Amino acid sequence: MAEARELVATLTRRGETVAAAESLTAGLVCATLAQVPGASAVLRGGLVVYATELKTALAGVDAQLLAEHGAVHPEVAAQLASGVRERCGATWGLGLTGVAGPDPQDGVAPGTVYVGLSGPGVNTVRELAETGDRDTIRTASVRAAFALLGEQLD
């Protein structure tokens, strides 16, 4: 994926690092970055927090937030991003949560995705409404995460 190569090159040039807390993508962000030669200079690590309780246990997402709003919520993405950034000691943290389908989750439609980004002076969340099958939605989510980070690095 060209976006991954560009991201690794830019982060390397800047001397910065990234980590990801992934729910619906289940490690695809980190795996995609790791395919790029030289990724070890920038990829600190990641958390696969597919199960809701792991979002709290591993990434520090507020349990009350999850109880009240479920796992697919913009603030969950924000807390995943800041939690993984802190836990992995990275310059940038990405947090992804959403519904890859084919069925809704907690009343949330497939294709609903939230991508959070935490970094120096930045805490933001982007909402996506993707279409297609599971693979398409998951791949689009990875691309959106890379784009969100890339915009901050330009």
Protein backbone atom coordinates (compact mmCIF):
# COMPACT_ATOMS: atom_id res chain seq x y z
CA MET A 1 0.00 0.00 0.00
CA ALA A 2 1.58 3.23 -1.19
CA GLU A 3 0.12 5.17 1.72
CA ALA A 4 2.03 2.99 4.18
CA ARG A 5 5.34 3.55 2.37
CA GLU A 6 4.79 7.31 2.34
CA LEU A 7 3.87 7.33 6.01
CA VAL A 8 6.93 5.31 7.04
CA ALA A 9 9.19 7.58 4.97
CA THR A 10 7.69 10.75 6.45
CA LEU A 11 7.79 9.51 10.04
CA THR A 12 11.39 8.34 9.56
CA ARG A 13 12.43 11.72 8.16
CA ARG A 14 10.76 13.47 11.12
CA GLY A 15 12.16 11.07 13.73
CA GLU A 16 8.65 10.24 14.94
CA THR A 17 6.85 7.02 15.82
CA VAL A 18 3.34 5.57 15.67
CA ALA A 19 1.30 2.93 17.48
CA ALA A 20 -2.24 1.70 16.87
CA ALA A 21 -5.10 0.36 18.99
CA GLU A 22 -7.30 -1.59 16.61
CA SER A 23 -10.74 -3.07 16.99
CA LEU A 24 -12.42 -3.74 13.63
CA THR A 25 -9.07 -3.84 11.80
CA ALA A 26 -7.64 -6.38 14.27
CA GLY A 27 -3.99 -5.52 13.62
CA LEU A 28 -4.25 -4.63 9.93
CA VAL A 29 -2.86 -1.12 10.48
CA CYS A 30 0.29 -2.45 12.15
CA ALA A 31 0.61 -5.37 9.71
CA THR A 32 0.36 -3.01 6.73
CA LEU A 33 3.00 -0.67 8.14
CA ALA A 34 5.27 -3.61 8.99
CA GLN A 35 5.29 -4.69 5.32
CA VAL A 36 7.32 -1.57 4.51
CA PRO A 37 11.10 -1.99 4.72
CA GLY A 38 12.39 0.25 7.51
CA ALA A 39 9.09 0.24 9.42
CA SER A 40 10.89 -0.82 12.59
CA ALA A 41 12.24 2.73 12.87
CA VAL A 42 8.75 4.16 13.29
CA LEU A 43 6.28 1.44 14.31
CA ARG A 44 6.32 1.16 18.11
CA GLY A 45 3.59 -1.46 18.42
CA GLY A 46 -0.09 -1.99 18.68
CA LEU A 47 -3.01 -3.36 20.60
CA VAL A 48 -5.67 -5.60 19.11
CA VAL A 49 -8.68 -4.79 21.24
CA TYR A 50 -11.39 -6.64 19.39
CA ALA A 51 -13.22 -7.63 22.58
CA THR A 52 -14.94 -4.69 24.25
CA GLU A 53 -13.46 -5.34 27.71
CA LEU A 54 -9.94 -5.25 26.27
CA LYS A 55 -10.50 -1.67 25.17
CA THR A 56 -10.52 -0.80 28.87
CA ALA A 57 -8.01 -3.38 30.12
CA LEU A 58 -5.32 -2.73 27.50
CA ALA A 59 -5.98 0.72 26.05
CA GLY A 60 -7.51 2.50 29.04
CA VAL A 61 -10.87 3.34 27.46
CA ASP A 62 -13.33 4.47 30.11
CA ALA A 63 -15.55 1.54 31.08
CA GLN A 64 -18.50 3.85 31.76
CA LEU A 65 -18.23 5.26 28.24
CA LEU A 66 -18.36 1.75 26.80
CA ALA A 67 -21.30 0.82 29.03
CA GLU A 68 -23.28 3.90 28.02
CA HIS A 69 -22.46 4.17 24.32
CA GLY A 70 -20.97 0.85 23.22
CA ALA A 71 -17.68 0.23 21.49
CA VAL A 72 -18.49 2.08 18.25
CA HIS A 73 -18.39 5.71 19.31
CA PRO A 74 -16.12 8.67 18.45
CA GLU A 75 -14.89 9.11 22.01
CA VAL A 76 -13.90 5.43 22.11
CA ALA A 77 -11.70 6.01 19.04
CA ALA A 78 -10.18 9.09 20.70
CA GLN A 79 -9.42 7.20 23.91
CA LEU A 80 -7.98 4.24 21.98
CA ALA A 81 -5.62 6.63 20.19
CA SER A 82 -4.44 8.40 23.33
CA GLY A 83 -4.22 5.14 25.29
CA VAL A 84 -2.03 3.35 22.76
CA ARG A 85 0.13 6.43 22.30
CA GLU A 86 0.82 6.53 26.01
CA ARG A 87 1.23 2.79 26.54
CA CYS A 88 3.57 2.31 23.57
CA GLY A 89 5.52 5.54 24.05
CA ALA A 90 4.78 6.72 20.51
CA THR A 91 4.69 10.21 19.05
CA TRP A 92 1.36 9.38 17.40
CA GLY A 93 -1.46 7.06 18.39
CA LEU A 94 -4.18 5.76 16.10
CA GLY A 95 -7.43 4.28 17.41
CA LEU A 96 -9.91 2.45 15.20
CA THR A 97 -13.35 1.18 16.08
CA GLY A 98 -16.34 0.37 13.94
CA VAL A 99 -18.55 -2.23 12.34
CA ALA A 100 -17.13 -4.24 9.44
CA GLY A 101 -20.36 -6.18 8.98
CA PRO A 102 -22.17 -7.93 7.62
CA ASP A 103 -24.50 -7.39 10.59
CA PRO A 104 -25.07 -4.29 12.75
CA GLN A 105 -23.41 -4.16 16.17
CA ASP A 106 -25.33 -2.63 19.07
CA GLY A 107 -27.66 -0.98 16.56
CA VAL A 108 -24.78 0.57 14.58
CA ALA A 109 -24.81 -0.04 10.83
CA PRO A 110 -22.01 -1.86 9.04
CA GLY A 111 -19.53 0.58 7.53
CA THR A 112 -19.70 2.98 10.48
CA VAL A 113 -16.10 3.58 11.53
CA TYR A 114 -14.35 6.05 13.82
CA VAL A 115 -10.63 6.72 13.48
CA GLY A 116 -8.94 8.60 16.31
CA LEU A 117 -5.56 10.32 16.23
CA SER A 118 -3.56 11.51 19.21
CA GLY A 119 -0.26 13.33 18.94
CA PRO A 120 1.58 16.52 19.81
CA GLY A 121 -1.18 19.11 20.15
CA VAL A 122 -3.62 16.91 18.23
CA ASN A 123 -6.62 14.91 19.39
CA THR A 124 -9.11 14.33 16.61
CA VAL A 125 -11.60 11.79 15.36
CA ARG A 126 -12.85 11.17 11.84
CA GLU A 127 -16.15 9.41 11.15
CA LEU A 128 -16.40 7.18 8.09
CA ALA A 129 -19.42 5.70 6.36
CA GLU A 130 -17.95 2.92 4.23
CA THR A 131 -19.72 0.48 1.95
CA GLY A 132 -18.81 -2.98 0.77
CA ASP A 133 -17.89 -6.28 2.35
CA ARG A 134 -15.81 -6.79 5.49
CA ASP A 135 -12.48 -6.70 3.68
CA THR A 136 -13.39 -3.54 1.82
CA ILE A 137 -14.50 -1.76 5.00
CA ARG A 138 -11.42 -2.85 6.94
CA THR A 139 -9.03 -1.83 4.15
CA ALA A 140 -10.77 1.54 3.75
CA SER A 141 -10.44 2.06 7.51
CA VAL A 142 -6.68 1.48 7.36
CA ARG A 143 -6.36 3.92 4.46
CA ALA A 144 -8.40 6.50 6.37
CA ALA A 145 -6.15 6.12 9.43
CA PHE A 146 -3.05 6.63 7.28
CA ALA A 147 -4.64 9.66 5.59
CA LEU A 148 -5.60 11.22 8.92
CA LEU A 149 -2.07 10.87 10.25
CA GLY A 150 -0.56 11.97 6.94
CA GLU A 151 -2.55 15.21 7.02
CA GLN A 152 -0.94 16.09 10.35
CA LEU A 153 2.54 15.37 9.01
CA ASP A 154 2.28 17.59 5.91
